[in-house]
Amino acid sequence: MKKDFTLDGDDFEVKAAEEAANNAKAETIEPSPLCKSENTVVAIPENTTGMRNADFGPFYGQGFDDITAACQRTFKKLVAESIKTNGKSLSLTTIVGYWKSGFRYFAPFLSLLHAASDERLTMADLNAETIKRFIQHLRNEPIEYGSQKNRFDGAKSLLRACHRFGLWPEVDMKTVWPANPFPNSNKRVKSQKALSKNEKRFLIKALRIEMERIVAHSEPLTGYDLTVGVLSIALSTGMNLTPILELTTDCVQPHPLKSNLRLLVSFKRRGNATHVVALRKSEEVSEMASIHLYAADAIDLIVARNAAIRADCGDSSRLLVYEGASGKYKGKPCRLAAGQLHYTIKSLVDQHQLQTDDCKPLALNVSRLRQTLLNRVWEMSGQDPLVAAKTGRHTVQTGNAHYWEAPPEAETNMRFLGEARVDELLGASSVNASDRTPVSSCKNVRYGHRAPKNGEPCQDYLGCFRCKSFVVTGDDLYRLFSFYWAALRNYDTFGGKRWTKYLKQVVRLIDEEIVPRFDATVVADQREKAKHHPHPFWQDLSMARMAI
């Protein structure tokens, strides 16, 4: 049986007073499950960046202490996890990115959110709507599209780690994050441009001068000297920056078959794989400095010269270690970081007055050297995408999108300079058979605008579209459309970037400049005939590759 309880006047007043006191107490107590740590600085061991600590202190007291505390604890756990797994969980460089590109730019948004709502923010306030506002906040920032994406990715990665460590349990990870809020970011970012032949030649000359100076002495290598070694390694191997900075002293191993070769073993974190590169080895150290700049010899030199400094370092297996020359690191072992490398490369460029082809200071970095090597391999292999992709240790799609590019003169060469005298030559037979090319006709195939003028017929088949002697008649349409369909069918095998540079403009010119000058019925017939029964010369684009 349910019992009834009644309160007289005094008891009711006492009860009401107790409830009021409890409510007042609840309003004064912070409901946040996390509190500010006594030490707001998270120490970061040596890594490829110059950052050695992350200070969360300035972000406390701004109305989102719970979020700051959760991110600090998560960041600390990530660093400890990386140290414990020796970087196999996440590299320290990646974790630093969560701070530099992530929380440092997420916190100002939280400050604005707190000012707008005038309420203290907790992890429970981070929901799908909050994330959408953060994305809109980034889009309103006066920064590049790629930078917006990097800041979002950094904050997202840190918050996802908060959820993994149980500091953001009330959120549904499947609904809080929108799908691809920054689409096509890779297409908007310009890839590094390969060095021209002259730029590369002057860079190699400068590196040889520096190597001769280094080999002539016996003292330990400075940070500047290590930069010279890094550039030599990058120029010889095409390696990315982080794998170079993380090389160990035993990275060069004997080749199992050839005595003049060595194997360079490195680890690429993004691919989560160990890579092996065969390097040539000189017989004499002086040969390296004056002739070849062999990467294996540069590494051996660094190992020998800086052995004493490396012994005093916390991680004696790291290759690129030098003695600090100024500031708080003077006289102490320092690991070469990306920031220091960037600064020293500028010094080398200034000292040797390295310039671009248009006499501007050369913008030099490891990525450009990688781009230069891979483009050279691509050209020497006859534009073979499989060989070039294997050398770069990436997919063919990645090579098309970011690495392979046509020579700088291709854009100029593909401008349409032809004279399509179709109206007067349509249906005419005044052009001799000997003056026909695999694409069209020519005023003079031996002494025309782009002909060799030595009595030999011109073999520059793609040059027809940029030649003043270019002529198109009705009899040429079958061959012209055979080439047209071959160009469209072989986009993938020809290479996307190369196709865009060499053939895209030609296809457009055929559609927009040549076709409208002919009778539509004639064009339709010849187009269909060439599509289903192409001219033998244009069964594929092998001859076009030879022409290029």
Protein backbone atom coordinates (compact mmCIF):
# COMPACT_ATOMS: atom_id res chain seq x y z
CA MET A 1 0.00 0.00 0.00
CA LYS A 2 1.31 3.42 -0.91
CA LYS A 3 1.92 5.66 2.02
CA ASP A 4 0.99 9.30 2.06
CA PHE A 5 3.37 11.79 3.58
CA THR A 6 2.30 15.21 4.69
CA LEU A 7 4.33 18.18 5.84
CA ASP A 8 3.14 20.77 8.28
CA GLY A 9 4.03 24.42 7.81
CA ASP A 10 7.36 24.31 9.68
CA ASP A 11 8.56 21.18 7.92
CA PHE A 12 7.61 22.61 4.52
CA GLU A 13 9.58 25.77 5.17
CA VAL A 14 12.63 23.78 6.29
CA LYS A 15 12.41 21.59 3.16
CA ALA A 16 12.08 24.60 0.87
CA ALA A 17 15.08 26.25 2.51
CA GLU A 18 17.20 23.13 2.03
CA GLU A 19 16.23 22.88 -1.63
CA ALA A 20 17.04 26.55 -2.19
CA ALA A 21 20.44 26.11 -0.53
CA ASN A 22 21.20 23.05 -2.67
CA ASN A 23 20.23 24.91 -5.85
CA ALA A 24 22.41 27.85 -4.93
CA LYS A 25 25.28 25.49 -4.17
CA ALA A 26 24.79 23.70 -7.51
CA GLU A 27 24.99 27.02 -9.33
CA THR A 28 28.33 27.88 -7.73
CA ILE A 29 29.95 24.45 -8.28
CA GLU A 30 31.72 23.91 -11.61
CA PRO A 31 30.05 20.92 -13.27
CA SER A 32 33.04 20.44 -15.55
CA PRO A 33 34.44 16.91 -15.23
CA LEU A 34 37.95 18.23 -15.95
CA CYS A 35 39.97 20.91 -14.24
CA LYS A 36 43.05 22.90 -15.13
CA SER A 37 46.28 21.00 -14.70
CA GLU A 38 48.97 22.52 -12.50
CA ASN A 39 51.43 22.22 -15.38
CA THR A 40 49.91 23.56 -18.58
CA VAL A 41 52.99 22.88 -20.70
CA VAL A 42 53.29 19.55 -22.52
CA ALA A 43 56.90 18.66 -23.31
CA ILE A 44 57.58 17.29 -26.80
CA PRO A 45 60.73 15.23 -27.44
CA GLU A 46 62.99 16.11 -30.34
CA ASN A 47 61.30 15.71 -33.71
CA THR A 48 61.60 16.96 -37.27
CA THR A 49 59.97 20.27 -36.30
CA GLY A 50 61.54 22.89 -34.07
CA MET A 51 58.76 22.69 -31.46
CA ARG A 52 59.71 21.22 -28.09
CA ASN A 53 56.65 22.10 -25.97
CA ALA A 54 52.98 23.08 -26.27
CA ASP A 55 51.69 25.60 -23.72
CA PHE A 56 47.93 25.36 -23.10
CA GLY A 57 48.09 27.94 -20.30
CA PRO A 58 47.00 31.01 -22.32
CA PHE A 59 43.80 29.23 -23.36
CA TYR A 60 42.51 28.68 -19.83
CA GLY A 61 40.14 31.20 -18.30
CA GLN A 62 38.48 32.04 -21.62
CA GLY A 63 35.21 30.23 -20.99
CA PHE A 64 36.06 26.78 -22.33
CA ASP A 65 38.40 25.35 -19.68
CA ASP A 66 36.79 21.91 -19.91
CA ILE A 67 37.63 21.68 -23.62
CA THR A 68 41.15 23.02 -23.10
CA ALA A 69 41.80 20.51 -20.31
CA ALA A 70 40.49 17.63 -22.42
CA CYS A 71 42.67 18.63 -25.37
CA GLN A 72 45.72 19.05 -23.13
CA ARG A 73 45.28 15.61 -21.59
CA THR A 74 44.72 14.07 -25.01
CA PHE A 75 47.77 15.79 -26.46
CA LYS A 76 49.88 14.56 -23.55
CA LYS A 77 48.58 11.01 -23.99
CA LEU A 78 49.35 11.11 -27.72
CA VAL A 79 52.94 12.21 -27.06
CA ALA A 80 53.40 9.46 -24.46
CA GLU A 81 51.87 6.90 -26.81
CA SER A 82 54.22 7.95 -29.63
CA ILE A 83 57.26 7.66 -27.36
CA LYS A 84 56.16 4.24 -26.11
CA THR A 85 55.60 2.86 -29.61
CA ASN A 86 58.67 4.61 -31.07
CA GLY A 87 56.49 6.62 -33.41
CA LYS A 88 54.47 3.69 -34.77
CA SER A 89 51.17 4.99 -33.36
CA LEU A 90 51.64 8.57 -34.55
CA SER A 91 54.85 10.42 -35.29
CA LEU A 92 55.72 13.36 -33.07
CA THR A 93 55.69 15.54 -36.17
CA THR A 94 52.06 14.60 -36.81
CA ILE A 95 51.10 15.25 -33.18
CA VAL A 96 52.77 18.66 -33.28
CA GLY A 97 50.52 19.42 -36.25
CA TYR A 98 47.47 18.79 -34.03
CA TRP A 99 48.71 21.69 -31.90
CA LYS A 100 50.16 24.06 -34.48
CA SER A 101 47.43 23.71 -37.09
CA GLY A 102 44.66 22.37 -34.88
CA PHE A 103 43.99 23.54 -31.33
CA ARG A 104 45.71 26.91 -31.70
CA TYR A 105 43.13 27.88 -34.33
CA PHE A 106 40.21 26.03 -32.80
CA ALA A 107 40.59 27.94 -29.52
CA PRO A 108 39.91 31.43 -31.00
CA PHE A 109 36.68 30.06 -32.49
CA LEU A 110 35.69 28.78 -29.05
CA SER A 111 36.37 32.24 -27.62
CA LEU A 112 33.99 33.78 -30.15
CA LEU A 113 31.40 31.11 -29.40
CA HIS A 114 31.67 31.79 -25.68
CA ALA A 115 31.37 35.55 -26.18
CA ALA A 116 28.27 35.09 -28.33
CA SER A 117 26.49 32.75 -25.89
CA ASP A 118 27.95 34.14 -22.64
CA GLU A 119 27.95 30.58 -21.32
CA ARG A 120 30.77 28.36 -20.26
CA LEU A 121 31.49 25.73 -22.92
CA THR A 122 32.14 22.06 -22.17
CA MET A 123 32.90 19.04 -24.33
CA ALA A 124 29.15 18.31 -24.38
CA ASP A 125 28.64 21.56 -26.32
CA LEU A 126 30.74 20.26 -29.21
CA ASN A 127 28.11 18.82 -31.54
CA ALA A 128 27.37 18.73 -35.25
CA GLU A 129 26.06 22.31 -35.21
CA THR A 130 29.20 23.58 -33.47
CA ILE A 131 31.43 21.85 -36.01
CA LYS A 132 29.44 23.41 -38.87
CA ARG A 133 29.98 26.84 -37.32
CA PHE A 134 33.68 26.12 -37.01
CA ILE A 135 33.86 25.23 -40.70
CA GLN A 136 32.07 28.45 -41.60
CA HIS A 137 34.46 30.36 -39.33
CA LEU A 138 37.43 28.90 -41.22
CA ARG A 139 35.88 29.75 -44.58
CA ASN A 140 35.56 33.37 -43.51
CA GLU A 141 39.23 33.57 -42.56
CA PRO A 142 41.48 35.43 -45.06
CA ILE A 143 43.70 32.39 -45.66
CA GLU A 144 44.24 29.94 -48.49
CA TYR A 145 41.77 27.13 -49.07
CA GLY A 146 44.42 24.54 -48.27
CA SER A 147 45.25 26.28 -44.97
CA GLN A 148 41.58 26.21 -44.02
CA LYS A 149 41.50 22.46 -44.60
CA ASN A 150 44.73 21.92 -42.63
CA ARG A 151 43.34 23.76 -39.61
CA PHE A 152 40.11 21.79 -39.75
CA ASP A 153 41.97 18.48 -40.09
CA GLY A 154 44.23 19.32 -37.14
CA ALA A 155 41.31 20.17 -34.86
CA LYS A 156 39.32 17.15 -36.04
CA SER A 157 42.20 14.75 -35.41
CA LEU A 158 42.73 16.08 -31.89
CA LEU A 159 39.02 15.90 -31.02
CA ARG A 160 38.74 12.39 -32.41
CA ALA A 161 41.63 11.43 -30.15
CA CYS A 162 39.70 13.00 -27.23
CA HIS A 163 36.82 10.65 -28.04
CA ARG A 164 39.19 7.67 -28.25
CA PHE A 165 40.58 8.41 -24.79
CA GLY A 166 37.07 8.76 -23.31
CA LEU A 167 37.15 12.53 -22.85
CA TRP A 168 34.33 13.19 -25.32
CA PRO A 169 32.00 10.24 -24.74
CA GLU A 170 28.64 11.91 -25.36
CA VAL A 171 29.16 12.49 -29.10
CA ASP A 172 28.24 10.29 -32.06
CA MET A 173 31.31 10.33 -34.28
CA LYS A 174 29.31 9.26 -37.33
CA THR A 175 27.08 12.34 -37.31
CA VAL A 176 29.20 15.12 -35.83
CA TRP A 177 31.68 15.33 -38.71
CA PRO A 178 30.39 16.37 -42.16
CA ALA A 179 31.59 14.42 -45.18
CA ASN A 180 34.46 16.21 -46.96
CA PRO A 181 33.78 19.85 -46.03
CA PHE A 182 36.70 21.03 -48.18
CA PRO A 183 36.30 19.19 -51.51
CA ASN A 184 38.91 19.25 -54.28
CA SER A 185 41.53 20.72 -51.98
CA ASN A 186 44.27 18.73 -53.70
CA LYS A 187 43.34 20.28 -57.06
CA ARG A 188 43.55 23.80 -55.68
CA VAL A 189 47.02 23.38 -54.26
CA LYS A 190 49.80 23.90 -56.78
CA SER A 191 52.43 21.21 -56.66
CA GLN A 192 56.09 22.07 -56.44
CA LYS A 193 57.63 22.97 -59.79
CA ALA A 194 60.66 21.03 -60.97
CA LEU A 195 63.92 22.91 -61.42
CA SER A 196 64.81 23.84 -64.95
CA LYS A 197 68.01 22.49 -66.48
CA ASN A 198 69.92 25.70 -65.77
CA GLU A 199 68.59 25.98 -62.22
CA LYS A 200 69.60 22.39 -61.51
CA ARG A 201 73.02 22.90 -63.09
CA PHE A 202 73.84 25.92 -60.93
CA LEU A 203 72.55 24.17 -57.80
CA ILE A 204 74.78 21.16 -58.42
CA LYS A 205 77.73 23.49 -58.96
CA ALA A 206 77.04 25.19 -55.61
CA LEU A 207 76.72 21.84 -53.81
CA ARG A 208 80.00 20.64 -55.28
CA ILE A 209 81.78 23.77 -54.06
CA GLU A 210 80.37 23.20 -50.57
CA MET A 211 81.28 19.50 -50.62
CA GLU A 212 84.84 20.29 -51.64
CA ARG A 213 85.07 22.63 -48.64
CA ILE A 214 83.60 20.02 -46.27
CA VAL A 215 85.85 17.19 -47.48
CA ALA A 216 88.95 19.39 -47.20
CA HIS A 217 88.45 19.74 -43.44
CA SER A 218 88.09 17.28 -40.58
CA GLU A 219 86.01 19.10 -37.94
CA PRO A 220 82.42 18.09 -37.09
CA LEU A 221 79.75 19.20 -39.52
CA THR A 222 77.64 22.23 -38.67
CA GLY A 223 73.93 22.68 -39.34
CA TYR A 224 74.85 24.40 -42.61
CA ASP A 225 77.02 21.45 -43.63
CA LEU A 226 74.22 19.00 -42.82
CA THR A 227 71.90 21.04 -45.03
CA VAL A 228 74.32 20.56 -47.92
CA GLY A 229 74.22 16.83 -47.22
CA VAL A 230 70.41 16.80 -47.11
CA LEU A 231 70.19 18.56 -50.46
CA SER A 232 72.66 16.09 -51.97
CA ILE A 233 70.62 13.15 -50.67
CA ALA A 234 67.35 14.64 -51.92
CA LEU A 235 68.82 15.42 -55.33
CA SER A 236 70.15 11.86 -55.70
CA THR A 237 67.20 9.89 -54.29
CA GLY A 238 64.06 12.04 -54.61
CA MET A 239 63.13 11.26 -50.99
CA ASN A 240 60.59 13.30 -49.06
CA LEU A 241 61.75 15.65 -46.30
CA THR A 242 60.53 13.76 -43.23
CA PRO A 243 62.14 10.41 -44.17
CA ILE A 244 65.43 12.23 -44.76
CA LEU A 245 65.30 14.03 -41.41
CA GLU A 246 64.53 10.73 -39.67
CA LEU A 247 67.40 8.77 -41.24
CA THR A 248 69.46 6.72 -38.80
CA THR A 249 73.19 6.08 -38.76
CA ASP A 250 72.73 2.56 -40.13
CA CYS A 251 70.48 3.63 -43.02
CA VAL A 252 73.15 2.74 -45.62
CA GLN A 253 73.56 -1.01 -46.00
CA PRO A 254 75.80 -3.08 -48.31
CA HIS A 255 74.29 -4.15 -51.61
CA PRO A 256 73.93 -7.94 -51.77
CA LEU A 257 75.10 -8.18 -55.40
CA LYS A 258 77.23 -5.19 -56.44
CA SER A 259 80.19 -3.76 -54.55
CA ASN A 260 79.81 -0.27 -56.05
CA LEU A 261 76.22 0.07 -54.80
CA ARG A 262 74.69 0.65 -51.40
CA LEU A 263 71.12 0.34 -50.15
CA LEU A 264 69.50 3.32 -48.45
CA VAL A 265 66.78 2.17 -46.06
CA SER A 266 64.16 4.72 -44.98
CA PHE A 267 60.65 4.70 -43.57
CA LYS A 268 57.75 6.59 -45.13
CA ARG A 269 55.09 7.12 -42.49
CA ARG A 270 52.26 8.09 -44.82
CA GLY A 271 52.69 4.80 -46.70
CA ASN A 272 53.54 2.96 -43.46
CA ALA A 273 56.31 1.10 -45.26
CA THR A 274 60.06 0.77 -45.37
CA HIS A 275 61.67 1.79 -48.66
CA VAL A 276 64.99 0.68 -50.08
CA VAL A 277 66.90 2.73 -52.65
CA ALA A 278 70.04 1.58 -54.44
CA LEU A 279 72.81 4.19 -54.36
CA ARG A 280 76.11 4.39 -56.17
CA LYS A 281 79.25 4.46 -54.07
CA SER A 282 82.44 6.25 -55.11
CA GLU A 283 85.89 4.77 -54.60
CA GLU A 284 87.35 8.01 -53.27
CA VAL A 285 85.81 10.66 -51.06
CA SER A 286 87.23 13.38 -53.27
CA GLU A 287 85.34 11.92 -56.21
CA MET A 288 82.10 12.52 -54.36
CA ALA A 289 82.90 16.18 -53.85
CA SER A 290 84.18 17.01 -57.30
CA ILE A 291 82.17 14.77 -59.59
CA HIS A 292 79.16 12.82 -58.41
CA LEU A 293 77.81 14.05 -55.06
CA TYR A 294 76.89 10.48 -54.19
CA ALA A 295 74.32 10.27 -51.41
CA ALA A 296 75.92 7.21 -49.82
CA ASP A 297 79.22 9.04 -49.39
CA ALA A 298 77.51 12.09 -47.94
CA ILE A 299 75.82 9.89 -45.33
CA ASP A 300 79.07 8.10 -44.48
CA LEU A 301 80.76 11.48 -44.03
CA ILE A 302 78.04 12.68 -41.65
CA VAL A 303 78.23 9.45 -39.61
CA ALA A 304 81.99 9.72 -39.17
CA ARG A 305 82.37 13.45 -38.54
CA ASN A 306 79.57 13.90 -35.99
CA ALA A 307 80.02 10.66 -34.04
CA ALA A 308 81.21 12.47 -30.90
CA ILE A 309 78.28 14.91 -30.92
CA ARG A 310 75.86 12.05 -31.53
CA ALA A 311 77.19 10.18 -28.50
CA ASP A 312 76.07 13.04 -26.24
CA CYS A 313 72.62 13.13 -27.82
CA GLY A 314 69.62 11.45 -26.24
CA ASP A 315 69.10 9.37 -29.39
CA SER A 316 72.52 8.33 -30.65
CA SER A 317 71.07 6.58 -33.70
CA ARG A 318 69.85 9.80 -35.34
CA LEU A 319 71.94 10.75 -38.35
CA LEU A 320 71.39 14.50 -38.69
CA VAL A 321 72.72 15.78 -35.36
CA TYR A 322 75.01 18.79 -34.95
CA GLU A 323 76.32 21.07 -32.23
CA GLY A 324 74.28 24.21 -31.60
CA ALA A 325 76.14 27.44 -32.33
CA SER A 326 74.03 30.10 -30.61
CA GLY A 327 71.34 30.80 -28.06
CA LYS A 328 70.28 28.32 -25.40
CA TYR A 329 71.38 25.41 -27.62
CA LYS A 330 74.98 26.63 -27.97
CA GLY A 331 77.36 23.73 -27.41
CA LYS A 332 74.52 21.22 -27.11
CA PRO A 333 73.62 18.41 -29.52
CA CYS A 334 70.78 19.52 -31.81
CA ARG A 335 68.75 17.53 -34.26
CA LEU A 336 68.30 19.13 -37.68
CA ALA A 337 64.67 20.26 -37.95
CA ALA A 338 62.57 21.38 -40.88
CA GLY A 339 62.54 25.03 -39.77
CA GLN A 340 66.32 25.18 -39.42
CA LEU A 341 66.74 23.46 -42.76
CA HIS A 342 64.46 25.99 -44.46
CA TYR A 343 66.44 28.90 -43.00
CA THR A 344 69.81 27.40 -43.95
CA ILE A 345 68.72 26.66 -47.52
CA LYS A 346 67.94 30.35 -47.91
CA SER A 347 71.47 31.15 -46.70
CA LEU A 348 72.95 28.78 -49.27
CA VAL A 349 70.85 30.31 -52.06
CA ASP A 350 71.96 33.81 -51.05
CA GLN A 351 75.62 32.86 -50.68
CA HIS A 352 75.84 31.28 -54.14
CA GLN A 353 73.37 33.73 -55.71
CA LEU A 354 71.20 30.96 -57.10
CA GLN A 355 68.55 32.37 -59.41
CA THR A 356 65.66 31.25 -61.57
CA ASP A 357 65.74 31.51 -65.34
CA ASP A 358 64.15 34.97 -65.07
CA CYS A 359 66.84 36.19 -62.63
CA LYS A 360 64.80 35.97 -59.42
CA PRO A 361 66.10 34.36 -56.21
CA LEU A 362 65.62 30.61 -56.42
CA ALA A 363 62.91 29.17 -54.15
CA LEU A 364 64.50 25.88 -53.12
CA ASN A 365 63.24 23.05 -50.94
CA VAL A 366 63.38 19.26 -50.77
CA SER A 367 60.01 18.88 -52.48
CA ARG A 368 61.28 20.67 -55.59
CA LEU A 369 64.29 18.35 -55.73
CA ARG A 370 61.99 15.35 -55.53
CA GLN A 371 59.86 16.81 -58.29
CA THR A 372 62.96 17.41 -60.40
CA LEU A 373 64.25 13.85 -60.07
CA LEU A 374 60.88 12.21 -60.76
CA ASN A 375 60.30 14.36 -63.83
CA ARG A 376 63.75 13.43 -65.11
CA VAL A 377 62.97 9.74 -64.64
CA TRP A 378 59.62 10.26 -66.37
CA GLU A 379 61.28 11.87 -69.39
CA MET A 380 64.14 9.35 -69.64
CA SER A 381 61.72 6.41 -69.44
CA GLY A 382 59.84 7.70 -72.48
CA GLN A 383 57.07 9.07 -70.26
CA ASP A 384 56.36 5.62 -68.88
CA PRO A 385 53.95 6.17 -65.95
CA LEU A 386 54.68 2.80 -64.32
CA VAL A 387 58.45 3.32 -64.22
CA ALA A 388 58.10 6.87 -62.89
CA ALA A 389 55.55 5.84 -60.25
CA LYS A 390 57.76 2.98 -59.10
CA THR A 391 60.71 5.34 -58.68
CA GLY A 392 58.62 7.80 -56.68
CA ARG A 393 56.98 4.99 -54.65
CA HIS A 394 53.49 6.25 -55.29
CA THR A 395 50.56 5.37 -57.53
CA VAL A 396 50.19 6.36 -61.17
CA GLN A 397 47.25 8.58 -60.18
CA THR A 398 49.41 10.43 -57.65
CA GLY A 399 52.12 10.93 -60.26
CA ASN A 400 49.63 12.33 -62.78
CA ALA A 401 48.15 14.71 -60.23
CA HIS A 402 51.27 16.00 -58.47
CA TYR A 403 54.58 15.09 -60.11
CA TRP A 404 54.79 14.62 -63.86
CA GLU A 405 54.66 17.69 -66.03
CA ALA A 406 55.50 18.58 -69.58
CA PRO A 407 58.60 20.65 -70.42
CA PRO A 408 58.11 24.38 -69.87
CA GLU A 409 58.17 25.05 -73.61
CA ALA A 410 55.18 22.77 -74.23
CA GLU A 411 52.59 25.41 -73.41
CA THR A 412 54.10 27.83 -75.89
CA ASN A 413 54.57 25.15 -78.53
CA MET A 414 50.94 24.11 -78.44
CA ARG A 415 49.57 27.50 -79.38
CA PHE A 416 47.66 27.29 -82.58
CA LEU A 417 49.65 29.01 -85.31
CA GLY A 418 48.23 27.02 -88.22
CA GLU A 419 46.80 28.49 -91.39
CA ALA A 420 43.61 26.52 -92.12
CA ARG A 421 43.03 27.64 -95.70
CA VAL A 422 40.01 25.39 -95.90
CA ASP A 423 37.66 27.55 -97.92
CA GLU A 424 39.88 27.64 -101.00
CA LEU A 425 41.24 24.14 -100.66
CA LEU A 426 38.07 22.30 -99.62
CA GLY A 427 37.75 19.33 -101.92
CA ALA A 428 40.71 20.42 -103.97
CA SER A 429 43.51 18.12 -104.92
CA SER A 430 46.20 20.78 -105.33
CA VAL A 431 48.16 19.41 -102.39
CA ASN A 432 50.66 16.77 -103.47
CA ALA A 433 50.53 13.39 -101.77
CA SER A 434 54.17 13.83 -100.81
CA ASP A 435 53.22 16.94 -98.82
CA ARG A 436 50.73 15.15 -96.60
CA THR A 437 51.51 14.39 -92.96
CA PRO A 438 49.92 11.75 -90.70
CA VAL A 439 47.67 14.53 -89.38
CA SER A 440 46.91 16.86 -92.31
CA SER A 441 48.61 18.52 -95.26
CA CYS A 442 51.57 20.87 -95.47
CA LYS A 443 52.61 23.69 -97.81
CA ASN A 444 56.10 22.24 -97.98
CA VAL A 445 56.92 19.22 -95.87
CA ARG A 446 60.68 19.65 -96.44
CA TYR A 447 61.16 23.42 -96.37
CA GLY A 448 58.10 24.65 -94.52
CA HIS A 449 57.92 26.67 -91.33
CA ARG A 450 58.99 23.91 -88.93
CA ALA A 451 60.64 21.56 -91.43
CA PRO A 452 64.33 20.67 -90.98
CA LYS A 453 65.13 22.48 -94.28
CA ASN A 454 67.85 19.98 -95.13
CA GLY A 455 65.92 18.04 -97.73
CA GLU A 456 64.51 15.57 -95.21
CA PRO A 457 60.73 15.46 -94.62
CA CYS A 458 59.44 16.89 -91.35
CA GLN A 459 58.75 14.27 -88.67
CA ASP A 460 57.27 16.62 -86.06
CA TYR A 461 53.70 15.32 -86.35
CA LEU A 462 52.32 17.24 -83.41
CA GLY A 463 54.14 20.30 -84.68
CA CYS A 464 51.53 20.59 -87.44
CA PHE A 465 49.20 22.36 -85.02
CA ARG A 466 51.74 25.07 -84.27
CA CYS A 467 53.18 25.39 -87.78
CA LYS A 468 52.52 28.24 -90.21
CA SER A 469 52.59 25.74 -93.08
CA PHE A 470 49.68 23.76 -91.61
CA VAL A 471 46.90 23.07 -94.16
CA VAL A 472 43.66 21.09 -93.73
CA THR A 473 41.62 19.87 -96.69
CA GLY A 474 38.63 17.59 -96.96
CA ASP A 475 40.96 14.70 -97.81
CA ASP A 476 42.75 15.22 -94.46
CA LEU A 477 39.71 14.85 -92.21
CA TYR A 478 39.96 11.06 -91.95
CA ARG A 479 43.56 11.19 -90.69
CA LEU A 480 42.83 14.21 -88.52
CA PHE A 481 39.91 12.49 -86.77
CA SER A 482 41.88 9.25 -86.45
CA PHE A 483 44.40 11.22 -84.41
CA TYR A 484 41.54 12.97 -82.57
CA TRP A 485 39.96 9.69 -81.39
CA ALA A 486 43.36 8.19 -80.51
CA ALA A 487 44.01 11.19 -78.26
CA LEU A 488 40.68 10.75 -76.46
CA ARG A 489 40.99 6.98 -76.08
CA ASN A 490 44.53 7.02 -74.67
CA TYR A 491 44.17 9.63 -71.93
CA ASP A 492 45.13 7.21 -69.13
CA THR A 493 48.05 5.53 -70.86
CA PHE A 494 49.43 8.82 -72.16
CA GLY A 495 49.51 10.35 -68.68
CA GLY A 496 46.97 12.86 -67.41
CA LYS A 497 49.22 15.86 -66.91
CA ARG A 498 51.17 15.23 -70.11
CA TRP A 499 47.90 14.78 -72.03
CA THR A 500 46.68 18.11 -70.72
CA LYS A 501 49.88 19.89 -71.74
CA TYR A 502 50.30 18.35 -75.19
CA LEU A 503 46.92 17.18 -76.47
CA LYS A 504 44.09 18.99 -74.71
CA GLN A 505 44.67 22.18 -76.68
CA VAL A 506 44.88 20.22 -79.95
CA VAL A 507 41.55 18.48 -79.33
CA ARG A 508 39.96 21.84 -78.56
CA LEU A 509 41.38 23.40 -81.70
CA ILE A 510 40.01 20.60 -83.87
CA ASP A 511 36.54 21.00 -82.35
CA GLU A 512 36.41 24.79 -82.27
CA GLU A 513 38.65 26.04 -85.09
CA ILE A 514 38.77 23.38 -87.82
CA VAL A 515 35.48 21.47 -87.75
CA PRO A 516 33.21 24.56 -88.17
CA ARG A 517 34.91 25.36 -91.49
CA PHE A 518 33.73 22.14 -93.15
CA ASP A 519 30.34 20.86 -94.17
CA ALA A 520 28.64 19.19 -91.20
CA THR A 521 27.71 16.08 -93.20
CA VAL A 522 31.29 15.55 -94.39
CA VAL A 523 32.59 16.03 -90.84
CA ALA A 524 30.08 13.56 -89.38
CA ASP A 525 30.95 10.87 -91.94
CA GLN A 526 34.69 11.21 -91.53
CA ARG A 527 34.42 11.39 -87.75
CA GLU A 528 32.45 8.13 -87.56
CA LYS A 529 34.72 6.39 -90.05
CA ALA A 530 37.83 7.37 -88.07
CA LYS A 531 36.23 6.35 -84.77
CA HIS A 532 35.44 2.77 -85.84
CA HIS A 533 38.18 2.23 -88.45
CA PRO A 534 41.09 4.54 -87.57
CA HIS A 535 44.02 5.16 -89.86
CA PRO A 536 46.79 2.58 -89.16
CA PHE A 537 49.16 5.35 -88.11
CA TRP A 538 46.82 6.33 -85.27
CA GLN A 539 45.83 2.99 -83.79
CA ASP A 540 47.39 4.33 -80.59
CA LEU A 541 49.59 7.26 -79.51
CA SER A 542 52.95 5.52 -79.72
CA MET A 543 54.00 7.72 -82.64
CA ALA A 544 52.87 10.81 -80.77
CA ARG A 545 55.11 9.83 -77.87
CA MET A 546 58.04 9.55 -80.25
CA ALA A 547 57.19 12.94 -81.71
CA ILE A 548 57.23 14.50 -78.24
